[in-house]
Amino acid sequence: MDSHGKILIVDDVTTHLLLLQTILNDEGYGTEITDDPKKVIDVLLETKCQVVLLDIMMPGMDGIQVLESIKTNEKLSHINVIIISAKTDSWSIKNALDSGAFDYITKPINIQDVRNKVKSAMIESIL
C-alpha cells in the first residue's frame, strides 16, 4: 500500500486521523497514525516514514515541541514535517516554519491542499 512512501499522522482527534489516513491511503501512501505526541520519536525510529503530518494543539506535548524533537534527532532530522493546525495566525505559521516545518496546512483541511503539500514533501525527501 505504500508504493508512494510512508507518512506518520499525529493528531489527538481520531476523526482527523482517520480522514487524513483515508485521503493519503487513496493516494497510494502507506500511513502510520498516533494520537500520542510522546510516541512520535519511537514510531519514527521503528518505521520508515518520509513525511509527518503533525497537529500543533495536543495534550501533554504540543506539535512544535514534537517538531523540534524530530529536527534535533540526527536519525530523523531529514524527515519533512507538515504542520496541520486550526491556528491560522501568521505568528503560528511563521513559528512552525522557523522551527523546521516543511509546510503548514490550516484546518478545516482542503483535501487537494493536503495532496499537493504531501506530494511536494515526498519529492523533496527523495532528492
N, C-alpha and C. Protein backbone atom coordinates (compact mmCIF):
# COMPACT_ATOMS: atom_id res chain seq x y z
N MET A 1 0.82 -1.20 0.00
CA MET A 1 0.00 0.00 0.00
C MET A 1 0.86 1.26 0.00
N ASP A 2 2.13 1.14 0.37
CA ASP A 2 2.94 2.35 0.48
C ASP A 2 3.90 2.49 -0.71
N SER A 3 3.36 2.31 -1.90
CA SER A 3 4.20 2.42 -3.10
C SER A 3 4.74 3.83 -3.30
N HIS A 4 4.04 4.81 -2.73
CA HIS A 4 4.48 6.20 -2.88
C HIS A 4 5.25 6.72 -1.67
N GLY A 5 5.44 5.88 -0.67
CA GLY A 5 6.12 6.32 0.54
C GLY A 5 5.21 6.16 1.75
N LYS A 6 5.77 6.49 2.92
CA LYS A 6 5.04 6.28 4.16
C LYS A 6 4.96 7.58 4.95
N ILE A 7 3.80 7.80 5.57
CA ILE A 7 3.53 9.04 6.27
C ILE A 7 3.03 8.72 7.68
N LEU A 8 3.56 9.45 8.66
CA LEU A 8 3.05 9.37 10.03
C LEU A 8 2.10 10.54 10.24
N ILE A 9 0.89 10.22 10.72
CA ILE A 9 -0.11 11.25 11.01
C ILE A 9 -0.27 11.33 12.52
N VAL A 10 -0.13 12.54 13.07
CA VAL A 10 -0.20 12.74 14.52
C VAL A 10 -1.27 13.77 14.83
N ASP A 11 -2.31 13.33 15.52
CA ASP A 11 -3.40 14.24 15.91
C ASP A 11 -4.11 13.59 17.08
N ASP A 12 -4.57 14.40 18.04
CA ASP A 12 -5.25 13.84 19.20
C ASP A 12 -6.75 13.61 18.94
N VAL A 13 -7.23 13.97 17.76
CA VAL A 13 -8.64 13.79 17.40
C VAL A 13 -8.75 12.64 16.39
N THR A 14 -9.41 11.56 16.80
CA THR A 14 -9.49 10.36 15.97
C THR A 14 -10.09 10.62 14.60
N THR A 15 -11.13 11.46 14.52
CA THR A 15 -11.74 11.71 13.21
C THR A 15 -10.76 12.39 12.26
N HIS A 16 -9.89 13.26 12.78
CA HIS A 16 -8.87 13.89 11.94
C HIS A 16 -7.88 12.84 11.44
N LEU A 17 -7.45 11.95 12.34
CA LEU A 17 -6.52 10.89 11.95
C LEU A 17 -7.10 10.03 10.83
N LEU A 18 -8.34 9.62 11.00
CA LEU A 18 -8.96 8.72 10.03
C LEU A 18 -9.22 9.42 8.70
N LEU A 19 -9.61 10.69 8.74
CA LEU A 19 -9.83 11.45 7.50
C LEU A 19 -8.52 11.56 6.71
N LEU A 20 -7.46 11.98 7.38
CA LEU A 20 -6.17 12.13 6.71
C LEU A 20 -5.65 10.78 6.22
N GLN A 21 -5.82 9.74 7.03
CA GLN A 21 -5.38 8.41 6.63
C GLN A 21 -6.10 7.95 5.37
N THR A 22 -7.41 8.18 5.30
CA THR A 22 -8.18 7.80 4.12
C THR A 22 -7.72 8.55 2.89
N ILE A 23 -7.53 9.86 3.01
CA ILE A 23 -7.07 10.69 1.88
C ILE A 23 -5.74 10.16 1.37
N LEU A 24 -4.80 9.92 2.27
CA LEU A 24 -3.45 9.52 1.88
C LEU A 24 -3.39 8.09 1.38
N ASN A 25 -4.16 7.18 1.99
CA ASN A 25 -4.21 5.80 1.50
C ASN A 25 -4.78 5.76 0.08
N ASP A 26 -5.79 6.61 -0.18
CA ASP A 26 -6.38 6.69 -1.52
C ASP A 26 -5.36 7.18 -2.55
N GLU A 27 -4.37 7.92 -2.10
CA GLU A 27 -3.32 8.43 -2.99
C GLU A 27 -2.17 7.43 -3.16
N GLY A 28 -2.25 6.29 -2.44
CA GLY A 28 -1.24 5.26 -2.58
C GLY A 28 -0.13 5.30 -1.54
N TYR A 29 -0.28 6.16 -0.54
CA TYR A 29 0.73 6.23 0.53
C TYR A 29 0.41 5.22 1.62
N GLY A 30 1.46 4.72 2.26
CA GLY A 30 1.28 3.95 3.48
C GLY A 30 1.18 4.94 4.63
N THR A 31 0.44 4.60 5.67
CA THR A 31 0.28 5.52 6.79
C THR A 31 0.45 4.81 8.12
N GLU A 32 0.99 5.54 9.05
CA GLU A 32 1.01 5.16 10.47
C GLU A 32 0.26 6.28 11.17
N ILE A 33 -0.48 5.96 12.22
CA ILE A 33 -1.17 7.02 12.96
C ILE A 33 -0.90 6.88 14.45
N THR A 34 -0.88 8.02 15.13
CA THR A 34 -0.81 8.01 16.59
C THR A 34 -1.52 9.26 17.11
N ASP A 35 -2.17 9.10 18.26
CA ASP A 35 -2.80 10.26 18.91
C ASP A 35 -1.96 10.72 20.10
N ASP A 36 -0.78 10.12 20.26
CA ASP A 36 0.09 10.44 21.40
C ASP A 36 1.38 11.10 20.92
N PRO A 37 1.50 12.42 21.11
CA PRO A 37 2.70 13.11 20.63
C PRO A 37 3.99 12.59 21.26
N LYS A 38 3.90 11.98 22.45
CA LYS A 38 5.10 11.48 23.12
C LYS A 38 5.64 10.21 22.46
N LYS A 39 4.84 9.58 21.60
CA LYS A 39 5.27 8.34 20.93
C LYS A 39 5.88 8.60 19.55
N VAL A 40 5.85 9.84 19.07
CA VAL A 40 6.25 10.14 17.70
C VAL A 40 7.69 9.70 17.41
N ILE A 41 8.61 10.04 18.27
CA ILE A 41 10.03 9.71 18.02
C ILE A 41 10.20 8.19 17.92
N ASP A 42 9.58 7.44 18.85
CA ASP A 42 9.67 5.98 18.82
C ASP A 42 9.09 5.41 17.53
N VAL A 43 7.92 5.91 17.12
CA VAL A 43 7.29 5.43 15.89
C VAL A 43 8.19 5.71 14.69
N LEU A 44 8.76 6.91 14.64
CA LEU A 44 9.62 7.27 13.51
C LEU A 44 10.89 6.42 13.48
N LEU A 45 11.43 6.09 14.64
CA LEU A 45 12.63 5.26 14.67
C LEU A 45 12.33 3.82 14.25
N GLU A 46 11.09 3.35 14.48
CA GLU A 46 10.71 1.98 14.13
C GLU A 46 10.24 1.84 12.69
N THR A 47 9.73 2.92 12.10
CA THR A 47 9.16 2.85 10.76
C THR A 47 10.00 3.69 9.81
N LYS A 48 9.75 3.52 8.53
CA LYS A 48 10.49 4.29 7.53
C LYS A 48 9.59 5.36 6.93
N CYS A 49 9.11 6.27 7.77
CA CYS A 49 8.25 7.33 7.28
C CYS A 49 9.11 8.45 6.69
N GLN A 50 8.68 8.96 5.55
CA GLN A 50 9.40 10.07 4.93
C GLN A 50 8.80 11.43 5.29
N VAL A 51 7.52 11.41 5.68
CA VAL A 51 6.79 12.65 5.96
C VAL A 51 5.96 12.47 7.22
N VAL A 52 5.83 13.56 8.00
CA VAL A 52 4.96 13.56 9.17
C VAL A 52 3.93 14.68 9.01
N LEU A 53 2.68 14.34 9.23
CA LEU A 53 1.62 15.35 9.33
C LEU A 53 1.36 15.51 10.82
N LEU A 54 1.51 16.73 11.32
CA LEU A 54 1.57 16.95 12.76
C LEU A 54 0.65 18.08 13.21
N ASP A 55 -0.25 17.76 14.11
CA ASP A 55 -1.13 18.76 14.71
C ASP A 55 -0.31 19.58 15.73
N ILE A 56 -0.69 20.83 15.94
CA ILE A 56 0.02 21.64 16.95
C ILE A 56 -0.61 21.47 18.33
N MET A 57 -1.92 21.64 18.43
CA MET A 57 -2.57 21.67 19.74
C MET A 57 -2.96 20.25 20.19
N MET A 58 -2.10 19.68 21.05
CA MET A 58 -2.35 18.34 21.59
C MET A 58 -2.00 18.35 23.08
N PRO A 59 -2.66 17.48 23.85
CA PRO A 59 -2.36 17.42 25.29
C PRO A 59 -1.00 16.78 25.56
N GLY A 60 -0.32 17.27 26.57
CA GLY A 60 0.94 16.66 27.01
C GLY A 60 2.17 17.23 26.35
N MET A 61 2.10 17.47 25.04
CA MET A 61 3.25 17.94 24.29
C MET A 61 2.71 18.55 23.01
N ASP A 62 3.04 19.82 22.73
CA ASP A 62 2.46 20.39 21.53
C ASP A 62 3.29 20.05 20.30
N GLY A 63 2.69 20.27 19.14
CA GLY A 63 3.32 19.90 17.89
C GLY A 63 4.66 20.56 17.63
N ILE A 64 4.82 21.79 18.11
CA ILE A 64 6.10 22.47 17.91
C ILE A 64 7.20 21.77 18.70
N GLN A 65 6.88 21.32 19.91
CA GLN A 65 7.87 20.55 20.69
C GLN A 65 8.21 19.24 20.00
N VAL A 66 7.21 18.59 19.43
CA VAL A 66 7.45 17.34 18.70
C VAL A 66 8.33 17.62 17.47
N LEU A 67 7.99 18.68 16.74
CA LEU A 67 8.77 19.09 15.57
C LEU A 67 10.24 19.32 15.94
N GLU A 68 10.46 20.04 17.03
CA GLU A 68 11.84 20.32 17.46
C GLU A 68 12.56 19.02 17.86
N SER A 69 11.82 18.07 18.47
CA SER A 69 12.42 16.78 18.83
C SER A 69 12.85 16.02 17.58
N ILE A 70 12.03 16.09 16.53
CA ILE A 70 12.37 15.41 15.27
C ILE A 70 13.60 16.08 14.65
N LYS A 71 13.59 17.40 14.59
CA LYS A 71 14.65 18.13 13.89
C LYS A 71 15.99 18.09 14.62
N THR A 72 15.98 17.82 15.92
CA THR A 72 17.24 17.74 16.67
C THR A 72 17.74 16.30 16.81
N ASN A 73 17.00 15.33 16.28
CA ASN A 73 17.42 13.93 16.31
C ASN A 73 18.14 13.63 15.00
N GLU A 74 19.42 13.30 15.07
CA GLU A 74 20.21 13.15 13.84
C GLU A 74 19.70 12.04 12.94
N LYS A 75 19.02 11.03 13.51
CA LYS A 75 18.47 9.96 12.68
C LYS A 75 17.17 10.36 11.99
N LEU A 76 16.53 11.43 12.47
CA LEU A 76 15.20 11.80 11.98
C LEU A 76 15.14 13.19 11.35
N SER A 77 16.19 13.96 11.49
CA SER A 77 16.14 15.38 11.09
C SER A 77 15.84 15.60 9.61
N HIS A 78 16.07 14.56 8.79
CA HIS A 78 15.81 14.67 7.34
C HIS A 78 14.33 14.55 7.00
N ILE A 79 13.50 14.10 7.95
CA ILE A 79 12.08 13.86 7.67
C ILE A 79 11.34 15.19 7.53
N ASN A 80 10.56 15.30 6.46
CA ASN A 80 9.77 16.52 6.25
C ASN A 80 8.50 16.47 7.09
N VAL A 81 8.30 17.55 7.86
CA VAL A 81 7.14 17.64 8.75
C VAL A 81 6.21 18.73 8.23
N ILE A 82 4.96 18.36 8.03
CA ILE A 82 3.94 19.32 7.64
C ILE A 82 3.02 19.51 8.84
N ILE A 83 2.92 20.75 9.29
CA ILE A 83 2.03 21.07 10.41
C ILE A 83 0.60 21.19 9.87
N ILE A 84 -0.34 20.60 10.59
CA ILE A 84 -1.76 20.78 10.28
C ILE A 84 -2.41 21.33 11.53
N SER A 85 -2.95 22.56 11.43
CA SER A 85 -3.46 23.19 12.64
C SER A 85 -4.64 24.11 12.37
N ALA A 86 -5.46 24.25 13.39
CA ALA A 86 -6.56 25.22 13.33
C ALA A 86 -6.03 26.64 13.56
N LYS A 87 -4.78 26.74 14.00
CA LYS A 87 -4.17 28.07 14.20
C LYS A 87 -3.82 28.65 12.83
N THR A 88 -4.47 29.74 12.49
CA THR A 88 -4.28 30.33 11.16
C THR A 88 -3.55 31.68 11.22
N ASP A 89 -3.16 32.10 12.41
CA ASP A 89 -2.49 33.40 12.53
C ASP A 89 -1.06 33.32 11.99
N SER A 90 -0.56 34.43 11.51
CA SER A 90 0.75 34.45 10.86
C SER A 90 1.88 34.09 11.83
N TRP A 91 1.75 34.42 13.12
CA TRP A 91 2.81 34.09 14.08
C TRP A 91 2.95 32.57 14.21
N SER A 92 1.82 31.86 14.32
CA SER A 92 1.87 30.39 14.46
C SER A 92 2.50 29.75 13.24
N ILE A 93 2.13 30.25 12.06
CA ILE A 93 2.67 29.70 10.82
C ILE A 93 4.17 29.97 10.73
N LYS A 94 4.56 31.22 11.01
CA LYS A 94 5.99 31.58 10.96
C LYS A 94 6.78 30.78 11.99
N ASN A 95 6.24 30.64 13.19
CA ASN A 95 6.91 29.89 14.25
C ASN A 95 7.14 28.43 13.83
N ALA A 96 6.14 27.82 13.22
CA ALA A 96 6.27 26.42 12.77
C ALA A 96 7.33 26.31 11.69
N LEU A 97 7.31 27.20 10.72
CA LEU A 97 8.29 27.16 9.63
C LEU A 97 9.70 27.45 10.16
N ASP A 98 9.81 28.41 11.06
CA ASP A 98 11.11 28.73 11.67
C ASP A 98 11.65 27.56 12.50
N SER A 99 10.74 26.75 13.04
CA SER A 99 11.14 25.60 13.86
C SER A 99 11.51 24.39 13.01
N GLY A 100 11.37 24.51 11.69
CA GLY A 100 11.81 23.44 10.80
C GLY A 100 10.72 22.73 10.03
N ALA A 101 9.47 23.21 10.14
CA ALA A 101 8.39 22.58 9.38
C ALA A 101 8.62 22.78 7.88
N PHE A 102 8.28 21.75 7.11
CA PHE A 102 8.39 21.82 5.65
C PHE A 102 7.27 22.68 5.08
N ASP A 103 6.08 22.57 5.67
CA ASP A 103 4.93 23.33 5.19
C ASP A 103 3.88 23.40 6.29
N TYR A 104 2.77 24.08 6.01
CA TYR A 104 1.74 24.33 7.02
C TYR A 104 0.39 24.25 6.33
N ILE A 105 -0.52 23.47 6.89
CA ILE A 105 -1.87 23.34 6.36
C ILE A 105 -2.83 23.76 7.47
N THR A 106 -3.80 24.60 7.11
CA THR A 106 -4.76 25.05 8.11
C THR A 106 -6.02 24.18 8.08
N LYS A 107 -6.61 24.03 9.27
CA LYS A 107 -7.87 23.30 9.41
C LYS A 107 -9.01 24.34 9.34
N PRO A 108 -10.18 24.01 8.82
CA PRO A 108 -10.50 22.72 8.23
C PRO A 108 -9.68 22.49 6.96
N ILE A 109 -9.26 21.26 6.77
CA ILE A 109 -8.34 20.98 5.67
C ILE A 109 -9.01 21.03 4.31
N ASN A 110 -8.21 21.40 3.33
CA ASN A 110 -8.60 21.31 1.93
C ASN A 110 -7.91 20.05 1.41
N ILE A 111 -8.69 19.09 0.93
CA ILE A 111 -8.13 17.79 0.54
C ILE A 111 -7.06 17.93 -0.55
N GLN A 112 -7.32 18.77 -1.54
CA GLN A 112 -6.35 18.95 -2.62
C GLN A 112 -5.06 19.59 -2.08
N ASP A 113 -5.20 20.50 -1.13
CA ASP A 113 -4.05 21.14 -0.49
C ASP A 113 -3.19 20.08 0.22
N VAL A 114 -3.85 19.17 0.93
CA VAL A 114 -3.13 18.08 1.62
C VAL A 114 -2.38 17.23 0.60
N ARG A 115 -3.07 16.84 -0.47
CA ARG A 115 -2.43 16.02 -1.51
C ARG A 115 -1.21 16.71 -2.10
N ASN A 116 -1.37 17.99 -2.46
CA ASN A 116 -0.27 18.73 -3.09
C ASN A 116 0.93 18.89 -2.17
N LYS A 117 0.67 19.26 -0.93
CA LYS A 117 1.78 19.52 0.00
C LYS A 117 2.49 18.22 0.40
N VAL A 118 1.73 17.14 0.55
CA VAL A 118 2.36 15.84 0.86
C VAL A 118 3.21 15.39 -0.32
N LYS A 119 2.69 15.56 -1.53
CA LYS A 119 3.45 15.17 -2.72
C LYS A 119 4.76 15.96 -2.79
N SER A 120 4.70 17.26 -2.54
CA SER A 120 5.92 18.09 -2.54
C SER A 120 6.91 17.62 -1.48
N ALA A 121 6.40 17.30 -0.28
CA ALA A 121 7.28 16.85 0.80
C ALA A 121 7.91 15.51 0.45
N MET A 122 7.15 14.63 -0.20
CA MET A 122 7.68 13.33 -0.60
C MET A 122 8.78 13.49 -1.65
N ILE A 123 8.52 14.34 -2.66
CA ILE A 123 9.50 14.57 -3.71
C ILE A 123 10.78 15.13 -3.10
N GLU A 124 10.64 16.07 -2.20
CA GLU A 124 11.77 16.68 -1.52
C GLU A 124 12.56 15.64 -0.72
N SER A 125 11.85 14.68 -0.10
CA SER A 125 12.53 13.68 0.73
C SER A 125 13.36 12.71 -0.10
N ILE A 126 12.99 12.55 -1.37
CA ILE A 126 13.71 11.64 -2.26
C ILE A 126 14.98 12.30 -2.79
N LEU A 127 14.93 13.61 -2.98
CA LEU A 127 16.07 14.33 -3.58
C LEU A 127 17.26 14.42 -2.66
